[in-house]
C-alpha atoms as a PDB file:
ATOM      1  CA  MET A   1      95.105  97.534  62.147  1.00  0.00           C
ATOM      2  CA  SER A   2      92.876  95.756  64.676  1.00  0.00           C
ATOM      3  CA  GLU A   3      92.602  96.836  68.285  1.00  0.00           C
ATOM      4  CA  GLN A   4      93.120  94.307  71.022  1.00  0.00           C
ATOM      5  CA  ILE A   5      90.401  94.336  73.664  1.00  0.00           C
ATOM      6  CA  LEU A   6      91.749  93.638  77.132  1.00  0.00           C
ATOM      7  CA  ASP A   7      89.708  91.626  79.592  1.00  0.00           C
ATOM      8  CA  GLU A   8      89.609  92.359  83.322  1.00  0.00           C
ATOM      9  CA  TRP A   9      92.403  89.849  83.999  1.00  0.00           C
ATOM     10  CA  GLN A  10      94.762  91.447  81.471  1.00  0.00           C
ATOM     11  CA  ILE A  11      94.012  94.916  82.859  1.00  0.00           C
ATOM     12  CA  ALA A  12      94.747  93.756  86.422  1.00  0.00           C
ATOM     13  CA  LEU A  13      97.983  92.143  85.234  1.00  0.00           C
ATOM     14  CA  ALA A  14      99.092  95.313  83.448  1.00  0.00           C
ATOM     15  CA  GLN A  15      98.417  97.367  86.584  1.00  0.00           C
ATOM     16  CA  LYS A  16     100.362  94.972  88.815  1.00  0.00           C
ATOM     17  CA  LYS A  17     103.256  94.935  86.346  1.00  0.00           C
ATOM     18  CA  VAL A  18     103.497  98.737  86.530  1.00  0.00           C
ATOM     19  CA  GLU A  19     103.454  98.597  90.350  1.00  0.00           C
ATOM     20  CA  LEU A  20     106.203  95.978  90.340  1.00  0.00           C
ATOM     21  CA  GLU A  21     108.355  97.923  87.873  1.00  0.00           C
ATOM     22  CA  LEU A  22     107.989 101.100  89.951  1.00  0.00           C
ATOM     23  CA  CYS A  23     109.081  99.180  93.046  1.00  0.00           C
ATOM     24  CA  GLN A  24     112.127  97.848  91.194  1.00  0.00           C
ATOM     25  CA  ILE A  25     113.038 101.390  90.159  1.00  0.00           C
ATOM     26  CA  GLU A  26     112.598 102.581  93.746  1.00  0.00           C
ATOM     27  CA  HIS A  27     114.879  99.824  95.039  1.00  0.00           C
ATOM     28  CA  GLN A  28     117.332 100.291  92.143  1.00  0.00           C
ATOM     29  CA  VAL A  29     117.103  96.704  90.877  1.00  0.00           C
ATOM     30  CA  ASN A  30     116.088  95.333  87.492  1.00  0.00           C
ATOM     31  CA  SER A  31     114.768  92.063  88.895  1.00  0.00           C
ATOM     32  CA  CYS A  32     113.006  91.020  92.083  1.00  0.00           C
ATOM     33  CA  PHE A  33     115.631  88.301  92.454  1.00  0.00           C
ATOM     34  CA  LYS A  34     118.207  91.027  93.117  1.00  0.00           C
ATOM     35  CA  CYS A  35     116.113  92.592  95.898  1.00  0.00           C
ATOM     36  CA  THR A  36     116.836  91.767  99.529  1.00  0.00           C
ATOM     37  CA  LYS A  37     113.109  91.836 100.328  1.00  0.00           C
ATOM     38  CA  ILE A  38     112.105  89.124  97.828  1.00  0.00           C
ATOM     39  CA  LEU A  39     111.218  86.473 100.429  1.00  0.00           C
ATOM     40  CA  ASN A  40     108.771  88.733 102.281  1.00  0.00           C
ATOM     41  CA  CYS A  41     107.474  90.905  99.447  1.00  0.00           C
ATOM     42  CA  GLN A  42     103.692  91.205  99.383  1.00  0.00           C
ATOM     43  CA  LEU A  43     103.813  93.160  96.115  1.00  0.00           C
ATOM     44  CA  ARG A  44     105.670  90.380  94.304  1.00  0.00           C
ATOM     45  CA  ASP A  45     103.393  87.726  95.819  1.00  0.00           C
ATOM     46  CA  SER A  46     100.390  89.727  94.632  1.00  0.00           C
ATOM     47  CA  TYR A  47     101.913  90.049  91.147  1.00  0.00           C
ATOM     48  CA  VAL A  48     102.521  86.293  90.905  1.00  0.00           C
ATOM     49  CA  LYS A  49      98.916  85.606  91.969  1.00  0.00           C
ATOM     50  CA  THR A  50      97.679  88.083  89.359  1.00  0.00           C
ATOM     51  CA  VAL A  51      99.752  86.306  86.676  1.00  0.00           C
ATOM     52  CA  TYR A  52      98.130  82.972  87.555  1.00  0.00           C
ATOM     53  CA  ASP A  53      94.677  84.570  87.687  1.00  0.00           C
ATOM     54  CA  SER A  54      95.206  86.093  84.243  1.00  0.00           C
ATOM     55  CA  MET A  55      96.261  82.718  82.855  1.00  0.00           C
ATOM     56  CA  SER A  56      93.258  80.911  84.311  1.00  0.00           C
ATOM     57  CA  LYS A  57      90.810  83.821  83.967  1.00  0.00           C
ATOM     58  CA  GLY A  58      89.974  83.502  87.660  1.00  0.00           C
ATOM     59  CA  GLU A  59      89.123  79.807  87.561  1.00  0.00           C
ATOM     60  CA  SER A  60      90.974  77.486  89.895  1.00  0.00           C
ATOM     61  CA  GLY A  61      93.665  75.823  87.797  1.00  0.00           C
ATOM     62  CA  GLY A  62      92.576  74.827  84.327  1.00  0.00           C
ATOM     63  CA  PHE A  63      95.443  76.418  82.368  1.00  0.00           C
ATOM     64  CA  GLU A  64      98.378  74.675  80.792  1.00  0.00           C
ATOM     65  CA  PHE A  65     101.854  75.949  79.979  1.00  0.00           C
END
């Protein structure tokens, strides 16, 4: 079995995902869309930015879906 080596972007994404999941547990929701704070949530905004950064490896743009 081969081990997967995580780069700094994947590590940051994993950390943000844990933070987001803990927040959802705290607010008793299973999705940010069900949270009343979604429009002003800095944690979710930070998570979304981290997702894009992980996809582009920190470069501006340059990734495709």
